[in-house]
Amino acid sequence: MPLSMLIFFMIVVGIPTLGGIGYSAFQRWLQHKEKMSQLIADQTAEKAAQYAAHVERIEARLRVLEAIATDGGAQTAAQIEALRQTRPPAVGGEILPTHDSTA
């Protein structure tokens, strides 16, 4: 087989075949990157929603504290007691004891 036939075969068959295989691998890589990007975007959106809910709870608590701090003083004790009774349970599910001024 002459050298020119081998070169012709490589140009006509080998290069397009390798190009097709390379293109297929590149397409699979792109699909993988798109899928990973979508997963990261979903996780980021979920985290943002969690942070927004957390900030909303903190702002609500801050509004209550601002109202207590700017109050004239007569209603402050009653508001503090009301807050103690509506306090969520502590970490671990234990309910913290409230101060009972009647005892």
Foldseek 3Di string as FASTA:
>chain_A
DDPVVVVVCCVPPVVVVVVVVVVVVVVVVVVVVVVVVVVVVVVVVVVVVVVVVVVVVVVVVVVLVVCLVPDPPPCNVVSVLVCLVVPDADPPRHRDDDDDPVD
